[in-house]
Each structure stands twice: as structure tokens, then as C-alpha cells.
PDB file of all heavy atoms in Angstrom:
ATOM      1  N   ILE A   1       1.327  -2.850   8.640  1.00  0.00           N
ATOM      2  CA  ILE A   1       0.973  -2.941   7.228  1.00  0.00           C
ATOM      3  C   ILE A   1      -0.521  -3.219   7.025  1.00  0.00           C
ATOM      4  O   ILE A   1      -1.163  -2.560   6.203  1.00  0.00           O
ATOM      5  CB  ILE A   1       1.858  -3.969   6.511  1.00  0.00           C
ATOM      6  CG1 ILE A   1       3.296  -3.442   6.431  1.00  0.00           C
ATOM      7  CG2 ILE A   1       1.322  -4.264   5.106  1.00  0.00           C
ATOM      8  CD1 ILE A   1       4.269  -4.354   5.711  1.00  0.00           C
ATOM      9  N   PRO A   2      -1.120  -4.177   7.760  1.00  0.00           N
ATOM     10  CA  PRO A   2      -2.559  -4.389   7.556  1.00  0.00           C
ATOM     11  C   PRO A   2      -3.402  -3.143   7.864  1.00  0.00           C
ATOM     12  O   PRO A   2      -4.349  -2.835   7.134  1.00  0.00           O
ATOM     13  CB  PRO A   2      -2.883  -5.536   8.527  1.00  0.00           C
ATOM     14  CG  PRO A   2      -1.594  -6.266   8.679  1.00  0.00           C
ATOM     15  CD  PRO A   2      -0.551  -5.196   8.653  1.00  0.00           C
ATOM     16  N   THR A   3      -3.061  -2.431   8.927  1.00  0.00           N
ATOM     17  CA  THR A   3      -3.810  -1.213   9.240  1.00  0.00           C
ATOM     18  C   THR A   3      -3.534  -0.138   8.194  1.00  0.00           C
ATOM     19  O   THR A   3      -4.427   0.653   7.853  1.00  0.00           O
ATOM     20  CB  THR A   3      -3.451  -0.695  10.644  1.00  0.00           C
ATOM     21  OG1 THR A   3      -3.568  -1.762  11.587  1.00  0.00           O
ATOM     22  CG2 THR A   3      -4.381   0.428  11.062  1.00  0.00           C
ATOM     23  N   GLY A   4      -2.320  -0.124   7.671  1.00  0.00           N
ATOM     24  CA  GLY A   4      -2.016   0.787   6.568  1.00  0.00           C
ATOM     25  C   GLY A   4      -2.839   0.469   5.326  1.00  0.00           C
ATOM     26  O   GLY A   4      -3.331   1.369   4.638  1.00  0.00           O
ATOM     27  N   LEU A   5      -2.986  -0.826   5.023  1.00  0.00           N
ATOM     28  CA  LEU A   5      -3.830  -1.226   3.898  1.00  0.00           C
ATOM     29  C   LEU A   5      -5.274  -0.777   4.121  1.00  0.00           C
ATOM     30  O   LEU A   5      -5.948  -0.315   3.189  1.00  0.00           O
ATOM     31  CB  LEU A   5      -3.788  -2.746   3.722  1.00  0.00           C
ATOM     32  CG  LEU A   5      -2.441  -3.372   3.353  1.00  0.00           C
ATOM     33  CD1 LEU A   5      -2.556  -4.893   3.347  1.00  0.00           C
ATOM     34  CD2 LEU A   5      -1.978  -2.877   1.995  1.00  0.00           C
ATOM     35  N   THR A   6      -5.749  -0.925   5.346  1.00  0.00           N
ATOM     36  CA  THR A   6      -7.105  -0.492   5.677  1.00  0.00           C
ATOM     37  C   THR A   6      -7.237   1.012   5.500  1.00  0.00           C
ATOM     38  O   THR A   6      -8.263   1.505   5.002  1.00  0.00           O
ATOM     39  CB  THR A   6      -7.444  -0.884   7.121  1.00  0.00           C
ATOM     40  OG1 THR A   6      -7.216  -2.282   7.292  1.00  0.00           O
ATOM     41  CG2 THR A   6      -8.888  -0.576   7.442  1.00  0.00           C
ATOM     42  N   TYR A   7      -6.213   1.754   5.909  1.00  0.00           N
ATOM     43  CA  TYR A   7      -6.214   3.208   5.751  1.00  0.00           C
ATOM     44  C   TYR A   7      -6.360   3.578   4.274  1.00  0.00           C
ATOM     45  O   TYR A   7      -7.141   4.463   3.907  1.00  0.00           O
ATOM     46  CB  TYR A   7      -4.917   3.782   6.321  1.00  0.00           C
ATOM     47  CG  TYR A   7      -4.902   5.287   6.469  1.00  0.00           C
ATOM     48  CD1 TYR A   7      -5.178   5.883   7.696  1.00  0.00           C
ATOM     49  CD2 TYR A   7      -4.603   6.119   5.396  1.00  0.00           C
ATOM     50  CE1 TYR A   7      -5.161   7.264   7.844  1.00  0.00           C
ATOM     51  CE2 TYR A   7      -4.583   7.491   5.520  1.00  0.00           C
ATOM     52  CZ  TYR A   7      -4.866   8.065   6.754  1.00  0.00           C
ATOM     53  OH  TYR A   7      -4.863   9.434   6.892  1.00  0.00           O
ATOM     54  N   VAL A   8      -5.618   2.876   3.412  1.00  0.00           N
ATOM     55  CA  VAL A   8      -5.732   3.126   1.973  1.00  0.00           C
ATOM     56  C   VAL A   8      -7.132   2.759   1.488  1.00  0.00           C
ATOM     57  O   VAL A   8      -7.743   3.485   0.693  1.00  0.00           O
ATOM     58  CB  VAL A   8      -4.665   2.324   1.205  1.00  0.00           C
ATOM     59  CG1 VAL A   8      -4.920   2.376  -0.303  1.00  0.00           C
ATOM     60  CG2 VAL A   8      -3.276   2.870   1.504  1.00  0.00           C
ATOM     61  N   GLY A   9      -7.672   1.634   1.974  1.00  0.00           N
ATOM     62  CA  GLY A   9      -9.020   1.249   1.597  1.00  0.00           C
ATOM     63  C   GLY A   9     -10.055   2.282   2.004  1.00  0.00           C
ATOM     64  O   GLY A   9     -11.059   2.496   1.311  1.00  0.00           O
ATOM     65  N   ASP A  10      -9.816   2.953   3.123  1.00  0.00           N
ATOM     66  CA  ASP A  10     -10.743   3.970   3.615  1.00  0.00           C
ATOM     67  C   ASP A  10     -10.643   5.288   2.854  1.00  0.00           C
ATOM     68  O   ASP A  10     -11.603   6.062   2.823  1.00  0.00           O
ATOM     69  CB  ASP A  10     -10.460   4.272   5.097  1.00  0.00           C
ATOM     70  CG  ASP A  10     -10.868   3.128   6.010  1.00  0.00           C
ATOM     71  OD1 ASP A  10     -11.688   2.295   5.596  1.00  0.00           O
ATOM     72  OD2 ASP A  10     -10.359   3.067   7.148  1.00  0.00           O
ATOM     73  N   THR A  11      -9.482   5.566   2.280  1.00  0.00           N
ATOM     74  CA  THR A  11      -9.231   6.916   1.769  1.00  0.00           C
ATOM     75  C   THR A  11      -9.013   6.996   0.258  1.00  0.00           C
ATOM     76  O   THR A  11      -8.851   8.089  -0.270  1.00  0.00           O
ATOM     77  CB  THR A  11      -7.992   7.522   2.459  1.00  0.00           C
ATOM     78  OG1 THR A  11      -6.863   6.654   2.267  1.00  0.00           O
ATOM     79  CG2 THR A  11      -8.231   7.703   3.949  1.00  0.00           C
ATOM     80  N   VAL A  12      -9.003   5.857  -0.438  1.00  0.00           N
ATOM     81  CA  VAL A  12      -8.763   5.850  -1.882  1.00  0.00           C
ATOM     82  C   VAL A  12      -9.949   5.197  -2.582  1.00  0.00           C
ATOM     83  O   VAL A  12     -10.424   4.142  -2.158  1.00  0.00           O
ATOM     84  CB  VAL A  12      -7.462   5.094  -2.227  1.00  0.00           C
ATOM     85  CG1 VAL A  12      -7.249   5.054  -3.738  1.00  0.00           C
ATOM     86  CG2 VAL A  12      -6.262   5.758  -1.552  1.00  0.00           C
ATOM     87  N   GLN A  13     -10.420   5.818  -3.648  1.00  0.00           N
ATOM     88  CA  GLN A  13     -11.557   5.280  -4.389  1.00  0.00           C
ATOM     89  C   GLN A  13     -11.234   3.914  -4.983  1.00  0.00           C
ATOM     90  O   GLN A  13     -10.094   3.663  -5.391  1.00  0.00           O
ATOM     91  CB  GLN A  13     -11.949   6.237  -5.522  1.00  0.00           C
ATOM     92  CG  GLN A  13     -12.476   7.582  -5.055  1.00  0.00           C
ATOM     93  CD  GLN A  13     -13.838   7.469  -4.371  1.00  0.00           C
ATOM     94  OE1 GLN A  13     -14.502   6.441  -4.455  1.00  0.00           O
ATOM     95  NE2 GLN A  13     -14.253   8.532  -3.697  1.00  0.00           N
ATOM     96  N   PRO A  14     -12.218   2.999  -5.067  1.00  0.00           N
ATOM     97  CA  PRO A  14     -11.960   1.645  -5.561  1.00  0.00           C
ATOM     98  C   PRO A  14     -11.332   1.598  -6.949  1.00  0.00           C
ATOM     99  O   PRO A  14     -10.528   0.704  -7.236  1.00  0.00           O
ATOM    100  CB  PRO A  14     -13.357   1.004  -5.566  1.00  0.00           C
ATOM    101  CG  PRO A  14     -14.115   1.741  -4.515  1.00  0.00           C
ATOM    102  CD  PRO A  14     -13.607   3.153  -4.573  1.00  0.00           C
ATOM    103  N   ALA A  15     -11.652   2.535  -7.819  1.00  0.00           N
ATOM    104  CA  ALA A  15     -11.153   2.494  -9.191  1.00  0.00           C
ATOM    105  C   ALA A  15      -9.632   2.598  -9.271  1.00  0.00           C
ATOM    106  O   ALA A  15      -9.011   2.085 -10.209  1.00  0.00           O
ATOM    107  CB  ALA A  15     -11.784   3.614 -10.021  1.00  0.00           C
ATOM    108  N   VAL A  16      -9.012   3.269  -8.304  1.00  0.00           N
ATOM    109  CA  VAL A  16      -7.551   3.432  -8.321  1.00  0.00           C
ATOM    110  C   VAL A  16      -6.902   2.841  -7.077  1.00  0.00           C
ATOM    111  O   VAL A  16      -5.738   3.096  -6.801  1.00  0.00           O
ATOM    112  CB  VAL A  16      -7.169   4.926  -8.457  1.00  0.00           C
ATOM    113  CG1 VAL A  16      -7.600   5.479  -9.802  1.00  0.00           C
ATOM    114  CG2 VAL A  16      -7.782   5.743  -7.324  1.00  0.00           C
ATOM    115  N   ARG A  17      -7.654   2.025  -6.339  1.00  0.00           N
ATOM    116  CA  ARG A  17      -7.151   1.538  -5.047  1.00  0.00           C
ATOM    117  C   ARG A  17      -5.953   0.614  -5.206  1.00  0.00           C
ATOM    118  O   ARG A  17      -4.998   0.687  -4.434  1.00  0.00           O
ATOM    119  CB  ARG A  17      -8.269   0.840  -4.285  1.00  0.00           C
ATOM    120  CG  ARG A  17      -7.890   0.459  -2.861  1.00  0.00           C
ATOM    121  CD  ARG A  17      -9.089  -0.100  -2.126  1.00  0.00           C
ATOM    122  NE  ARG A  17     -10.124   0.918  -1.956  1.00  0.00           N
ATOM    123  CZ  ARG A  17     -11.412   0.648  -1.765  1.00  0.00           C
ATOM    124  NH1 ARG A  17     -11.840  -0.605  -1.748  1.00  0.00           N
ATOM    125  NH2 ARG A  17     -12.276   1.626  -1.607  1.00  0.00           N
ATOM    126  N   GLN A  18      -5.971  -0.287  -6.207  1.00  0.00           N
ATOM    127  CA  GLN A  18      -4.844  -1.202  -6.345  1.00  0.00           C
ATOM    128  C   GLN A  18      -3.560  -0.458  -6.659  1.00  0.00           C
ATOM    129  O   GLN A  18      -2.477  -0.858  -6.241  1.00  0.00           O
ATOM    130  CB  GLN A  18      -5.115  -2.261  -7.419  1.00  0.00           C
ATOM    131  CG  GLN A  18      -4.003  -3.317  -7.498  1.00  0.00           C
ATOM    132  CD  GLN A  18      -4.433  -4.605  -8.151  1.00  0.00           C
ATOM    133  OE1 GLN A  18      -5.564  -4.734  -8.596  1.00  0.00           O
ATOM    134  NE2 GLN A  18      -3.542  -5.576  -8.219  1.00  0.00           N
ATOM    135  N   ARG A  19      -3.670   0.647  -7.370  1.00  0.00           N
ATOM    136  CA  ARG A  19      -2.476   1.444  -7.658  1.00  0.00           C
ATOM    137  C   ARG A  19      -1.896   2.024  -6.369  1.00  0.00           C
ATOM    138  O   ARG A  19      -0.677   2.043  -6.176  1.00  0.00           O
ATOM    139  CB  ARG A  19      -2.832   2.572  -8.628  1.00  0.00           C
ATOM    140  CG  ARG A  19      -3.385   2.072  -9.955  1.00  0.00           C
ATOM    141  CD  ARG A  19      -3.766   3.238 -10.863  1.00  0.00           C
ATOM    142  NE  ARG A  19      -4.474   2.757 -12.050  1.00  0.00           N
ATOM    143  CZ  ARG A  19      -4.958   3.539 -12.991  1.00  0.00           C
ATOM    144  NH1 ARG A  19      -4.822   4.860 -12.893  1.00  0.00           N
ATOM    145  NH2 ARG A  19      -5.586   3.038 -14.036  1.00  0.00           N
ATOM    146  N   ALA A  20      -2.776   2.527  -5.498  1.00  0.00           N
ATOM    147  CA  ALA A  20      -2.310   3.062  -4.215  1.00  0.00           C
ATOM    148  C   ALA A  20      -1.721   1.960  -3.346  1.00  0.00           C
ATOM    149  O   ALA A  20      -0.717   2.162  -2.656  1.00  0.00           O
ATOM    150  CB  ALA A  20      -3.457   3.770  -3.494  1.00  0.00           C
ATOM    151  N   LEU A  21      -2.347   0.789  -3.379  1.00  0.00           N
ATOM    152  CA  LEU A  21      -1.830  -0.327  -2.593  1.00  0.00           C
ATOM    153  C   LEU A  21      -0.458  -0.770  -3.089  1.00  0.00           C
ATOM    154  O   LEU A  21       0.395  -1.184  -2.303  1.00  0.00           O
ATOM    155  CB  LEU A  21      -2.813  -1.494  -2.640  1.00  0.00           C
ATOM    156  CG  LEU A  21      -4.128  -1.286  -1.879  1.00  0.00           C
ATOM    157  CD1 LEU A  21      -5.085  -2.439  -2.150  1.00  0.00           C
ATOM    158  CD2 LEU A  21      -3.871  -1.158  -0.383  1.00  0.00           C
ATOM    159  N   THR A  22      -0.230  -0.691  -4.404  1.00  0.00           N
ATOM    160  CA  THR A  22       1.085  -1.063  -4.912  1.00  0.00           C
ATOM    161  C   THR A  22       2.146  -0.040  -4.517  1.00  0.00           C
ATOM    162  O   THR A  22       3.323  -0.386  -4.388  1.00  0.00           O
ATOM    163  CB  THR A  22       1.063  -1.234  -6.445  1.00  0.00           C
ATOM    164  OG1 THR A  22       0.560  -0.047  -7.053  1.00  0.00           O
ATOM    165  CG2 THR A  22       0.214  -2.415  -6.853  1.00  0.00           C
ATOM    166  N   ASP A  23       1.742   1.218  -4.324  1.00  0.00           N
ATOM    167  CA  ASP A  23       2.691   2.204  -3.792  1.00  0.00           C
ATOM    168  C   ASP A  23       3.125   1.806  -2.381  1.00  0.00           C
ATOM    169  O   ASP A  23       4.307   1.891  -2.035  1.00  0.00           O
ATOM    170  CB  ASP A  23       2.055   3.602  -3.758  1.00  0.00           C
ATOM    171  CG  ASP A  23       2.064   4.282  -5.116  1.00  0.00           C
ATOM    172  OD1 ASP A  23       2.916   3.920  -5.941  1.00  0.00           O
ATOM    173  OD2 ASP A  23       1.219   5.164  -5.341  1.00  0.00           O
ATOM    174  N   LEU A  24       2.147   1.390  -1.575  1.00  0.00           N
ATOM    175  CA  LEU A  24       2.471   0.943  -0.224  1.00  0.00           C
ATOM    176  C   LEU A  24       3.341  -0.308  -0.279  1.00  0.00           C
ATOM    177  O   LEU A  24       4.280  -0.467   0.502  1.00  0.00           O
ATOM    178  CB  LEU A  24       1.174   0.660   0.543  1.00  0.00           C
ATOM    179  CG  LEU A  24       1.266   0.552   2.067  1.00  0.00           C
ATOM    180  CD1 LEU A  24       1.765   1.852   2.673  1.00  0.00           C
ATOM    181  CD2 LEU A  24      -0.096   0.195   2.653  1.00  0.00           C
ATOM    182  N   MET A  25       3.050  -1.207  -1.221  1.00  0.00           N
ATOM    183  CA  MET A  25       3.841  -2.406  -1.396  1.00  0.00           C
ATOM    184  C   MET A  25       5.270  -2.075  -1.824  1.00  0.00           C
ATOM    185  O   MET A  25       6.227  -2.735  -1.403  1.00  0.00           O
ATOM    186  CB  MET A  25       3.192  -3.320  -2.431  1.00  0.00           C
ATOM    187  CG  MET A  25       3.960  -4.606  -2.702  1.00  0.00           C
ATOM    188  SD  MET A  25       3.199  -5.609  -3.997  1.00  0.00           S
ATOM    189  CE  MET A  25       1.707  -6.110  -3.155  1.00  0.00           C
ATOM    190  N   ALA A  26       5.427  -1.059  -2.668  1.00  0.00           N
ATOM    191  CA  ALA A  26       6.763  -0.673  -3.123  1.00  0.00           C
ATOM    192  C   ALA A  26       7.625  -0.204  -1.954  1.00  0.00           C
ATOM    193  O   ALA A  26       8.816  -0.521  -1.880  1.00  0.00           O
ATOM    194  CB  ALA A  26       6.659   0.424  -4.180  1.00  0.00           C
ATOM    195  N   ALA A  27       7.030   0.545  -1.034  1.00  0.00           N
ATOM    196  CA  ALA A  27       7.775   0.980   0.149  1.00  0.00           C
ATOM    197  C   ALA A  27       8.185  -0.220   0.996  1.00  0.00           C
ATOM    198  O   ALA A  27       9.319  -0.304   1.478  1.00  0.00           O
ATOM    199  CB  ALA A  27       6.931   1.947   0.971  1.00  0.00           C
ATOM    200  N   ALA A  28       7.252  -1.161   1.165  1.00  0.00           N
ATOM    201  CA  ALA A  28       7.577  -2.377   1.911  1.00  0.00           C
ATOM    202  C   ALA A  28       8.646  -3.182   1.188  1.00  0.00           C
ATOM    203  O   ALA A  28       9.497  -3.816   1.820  1.00  0.00           O
ATOM    204  CB  ALA A  28       6.321  -3.213   2.111  1.00  0.00           C
ATOM    205  N   ALA A  29       8.629  -3.152  -0.144  1.00  0.00           N
ATOM    206  CA  ALA A  29       9.620  -3.894  -0.923  1.00  0.00           C
ATOM    207  C   ALA A  29      11.025  -3.366  -0.701  1.00  0.00           C
ATOM    208  O   ALA A  29      11.996  -4.135  -0.619  1.00  0.00           O
ATOM    209  CB  ALA A  29       9.270  -3.821  -2.407  1.00  0.00           C
ATOM    210  N   LEU A  30      11.149  -2.050  -0.592  1.00  0.00           N
ATOM    211  CA  LEU A  30      12.469  -1.480  -0.317  1.00  0.00           C
ATOM    212  C   LEU A  30      12.979  -1.946   1.045  1.00  0.00           C
ATOM    213  O   LEU A  30      14.165  -2.249   1.219  1.00  0.00           O
ATOM    214  CB  LEU A  30      12.405   0.043  -0.372  1.00  0.00           C
ATOM    215  CG  LEU A  30      12.196   0.664  -1.755  1.00  0.00           C
ATOM    216  CD1 LEU A  30      12.088   2.173  -1.643  1.00  0.00           C
ATOM    217  CD2 LEU A  30      13.340   0.288  -2.691  1.00  0.00           C
ATOM    218  N   GLY A  31      12.067  -2.016   2.019  1.00  0.00           N
ATOM    219  CA  GLY A  31      12.455  -2.533   3.327  1.00  0.00           C
ATOM    220  C   GLY A  31      12.887  -3.979   3.242  1.00  0.00           C
ATOM    221  O   GLY A  31      13.862  -4.401   3.877  1.00  0.00           O
ATOM    222  N   THR A  32      12.180  -4.765   2.439  1.00  0.00           N
ATOM    223  CA  THR A  32      12.538  -6.169   2.255  1.00  0.00           C
ATOM    224  C   THR A  32      13.898  -6.309   1.597  1.00  0.00           C
ATOM    225  O   THR A  32      14.729  -7.127   2.013  1.00  0.00           O
ATOM    226  CB  THR A  32      11.470  -6.861   1.386  1.00  0.00           C
ATOM    227  OG1 THR A  32      10.207  -6.748   2.028  1.00  0.00           O
ATOM    228  CG2 THR A  32      11.796  -8.321   1.173  1.00  0.00           C
ATOM    229  N   ALA A  33      14.136  -5.514   0.555  1.00  0.00           N
ATOM    230  CA  ALA A  33      15.411  -5.593  -0.160  1.00  0.00           C
ATOM    231  C   ALA A  33      16.583  -5.254   0.756  1.00  0.00           C
ATOM    232  O   ALA A  33      17.602  -5.951   0.776  1.00  0.00           O
ATOM    233  CB  ALA A  33      15.393  -4.650  -1.363  1.00  0.00           C
ATOM    234  N   LEU A  34      16.447  -4.183   1.517  1.00  0.00           N
ATOM    235  CA  LEU A  34      17.523  -3.798   2.423  1.00  0.00           C
ATOM    236  C   LEU A  34      17.698  -4.813   3.546  1.00  0.00           C
ATOM    237  O   LEU A  34      18.822  -5.100   3.973  1.00  0.00           O
ATOM    238  CB  LEU A  34      17.249  -2.416   3.008  1.00  0.00           C
ATOM    239  CG  LEU A  34      17.408  -1.243   2.049  1.00  0.00           C
ATOM    240  CD1 LEU A  34      17.042   0.062   2.731  1.00  0.00           C
ATOM    241  CD2 LEU A  34      18.837  -1.173   1.516  1.00  0.00           C
ATOM    242  N   ALA A  35      16.580  -5.384   4.018  1.00  0.00           N
ATOM    243  CA  ALA A  35      16.665  -6.350   5.114  1.00  0.00           C
ATOM    244  C   ALA A  35      17.394  -7.607   4.694  1.00  0.00           C
ATOM    245  O   ALA A  35      18.278  -8.102   5.399  1.00  0.00           O
ATOM    246  CB  ALA A  35      15.267  -6.695   5.616  1.00  0.00           C
TER     247      ALA A  35
END
């Protein structure tokens, strides 16, 4: 996950970065819910 966050930081413009990070968080959330 941290390297994934870094990947998003490298590839997404700052103006929309938090939105992209929340997409990554949503995927992790589904894993948390099922776990």
C-alpha cells in the first residue's frame, strides 16, 4: 500500500491526487470489510 500510494503520487497531478488516493483507499476498504 505505501508503494502504491507513492505510485499515485508519482503519476497523478496534485490537484486531483486526494481523489485518486481515495480510490486506492476504497479498494483497501473492501479488503478490510471482507477480512
